[in-house]
Amino acid sequence: MELTAAHWMYLAGTVIIILTMLFRQNVVVPSILVTFLVGWIFTGSFTAGLQTIFNASLIAAGELFNIFLIIAIMTALLYSLKELGSDEQMITPFQRVMKNGHISFWVIIFVTYAISLFFWPTPAVPLVGALLIPVAIRAGLPPIGAAIAISLAGQGMALSSDYVIQIAPTLTATAASVDVGPIADRAFILSLITGITAIVIAYLSLRKNILQPSSQHLQTWENSIQKTEYNEHSSEIGQRPKSKYSLFFAILIPVTFLAIIIYMVLAKFSDVLPSIEGGTGAALIGGASFILLITASSFNNIRTSLNTVSDNIVKGFVFAFKAMGPVIPIAGFFFIGSGELAAKIFSLNVEETPSFLFDLVVAGQHFIPESSFIAGFGILLIGMITGLDGSGFSGLPLVGSLSSALGDSVGVDVATLGAIGQMGAIWVGGGTLIAWSSLVAVAGFAKVPVMELVRKSIFPVFIGLIISTIIGLLIF
């Protein structure tokens, strides 16, 4: 298709959004404005341009609502567990094995990763930070070591794959117009390669600073000047009374999720159970979480359970829209670049609607070296740039769309490029290298300067991303 003024406006809008990210500014307003301009130029109607803003966000919200719903459900379940005190009970067994700083580092890695896979790092950080960091510091692990362990395992390794809830791969796959499964599987492998590499490098650089166990370490840390709202929250957690059913649910929740994981593994790799496709796994976890939420609230107080369940779901949606709400208008703009979604936005047939991003890439593909490594590292770099907004998720529609457009021309599977771009976006923006992201929560719990945490994480994360990209391009 011949490039039109609308194509060039879409390209200019993409550049404007990336530049806005580079200047560490919010990209919601630029996304809305360039969506309007593309719609106006494409249709030739000012009013149709205004309608494009609404329709693009509406289509994006419809495509992404399953993501908002699963976040809300899992957050609501976490609130119900807090009311019972079960969140503490699920963690306390690990405190008994944290005998020294070395063991503590790896225990924090394991616990943070496991919880973050199911509850996301944002709600998991207060839980792990409030309960395990003091134990680790008393065992001799320096506060910066505890902070690095949480950020690399949670915001990095767990969130970049998002293998259980599958929010990130769904965003990437939707924009790339491919199935969620291949992107989720490859992102999981790449996240492990990146994470293990980064964590091992970080541990080797920290181990000489690990001290002998002493209660003096904890006293010194507790007397530090830096106080944040997260520390106040940790005090509230420590003072909360436990329900007599807290232990029961502390066992029931992990066992239920473990059973779901076993079911999903059997369904995926054997013929014993029917195959699970797309977002079926997230739906299974979401449905089970609803039942667990109702059950936990009923055991806590049967008389108030109806209101409690409703209140916790509301809290879950509030958290979901705070965390993901800005993604809607951003995704709306990038979805215009996809032919099928653009057809819905402009209320036209797919055959009549240009695929702006794909057309631009096709028109310029003779300028792109036909090298899989250049394409792979190019997508990685774009993903990292999009992560500069501190979200990690807002750039996934872009890397998904670019992966779809570039894959065939350079001979690399679209799912592989999408997974690589997802690694770059979330490892940078999800909370390991951006000080204005959720990393500030980790630094607050550990009482360390957030910029020091960023500085200590840059080298391990960069090396991990480079190695995982090379391996991903070679094996997939």
Foldseek 3Di string as FASTA:
>chain_A
DDDDPLLVLLVVLVVVQLVCLVVLHARLVSLLVSQLVSQCRVVVDNVSSVLLLVLLLVLLCVLQVLVLLLLLLLQLLVVLLLQQLLLQVLLVVLLVVLQALVSLLVSLLVQLLVVCLRNALLVVLLSCLLRRLLSNQLRFQALLSSLLSNCLNGLALRVLLSLQLQSQLSLLCVLLVHFSVLLSVLLNVLSCLLSVQLNVVLCVVRVVRGDHRHVVSSVVQVPDPFADPSNVVSVVSVPNDHHPCSNVVSVVVVVVVVVLVVVQVCCPPHPPDPHDTGSNSNVVSSVVSLVSSLVSLCSSPVVCSVVSSVVSSVVSSVVSCVLCVSLSSLLSSLLCLQLVSVCSSSVHDSVPRHNSVLVVCVVCVVVPPLAPLVLLVVLLVQLLSLLSNLRLRSCSSVQSNVLSNCCVSNVHDSSLSSSLSSSNSSSNRSAQQHLPYSSVSSCNSSVHDSNVSNVSSVVSSVVSSVVSSVVSRVPD
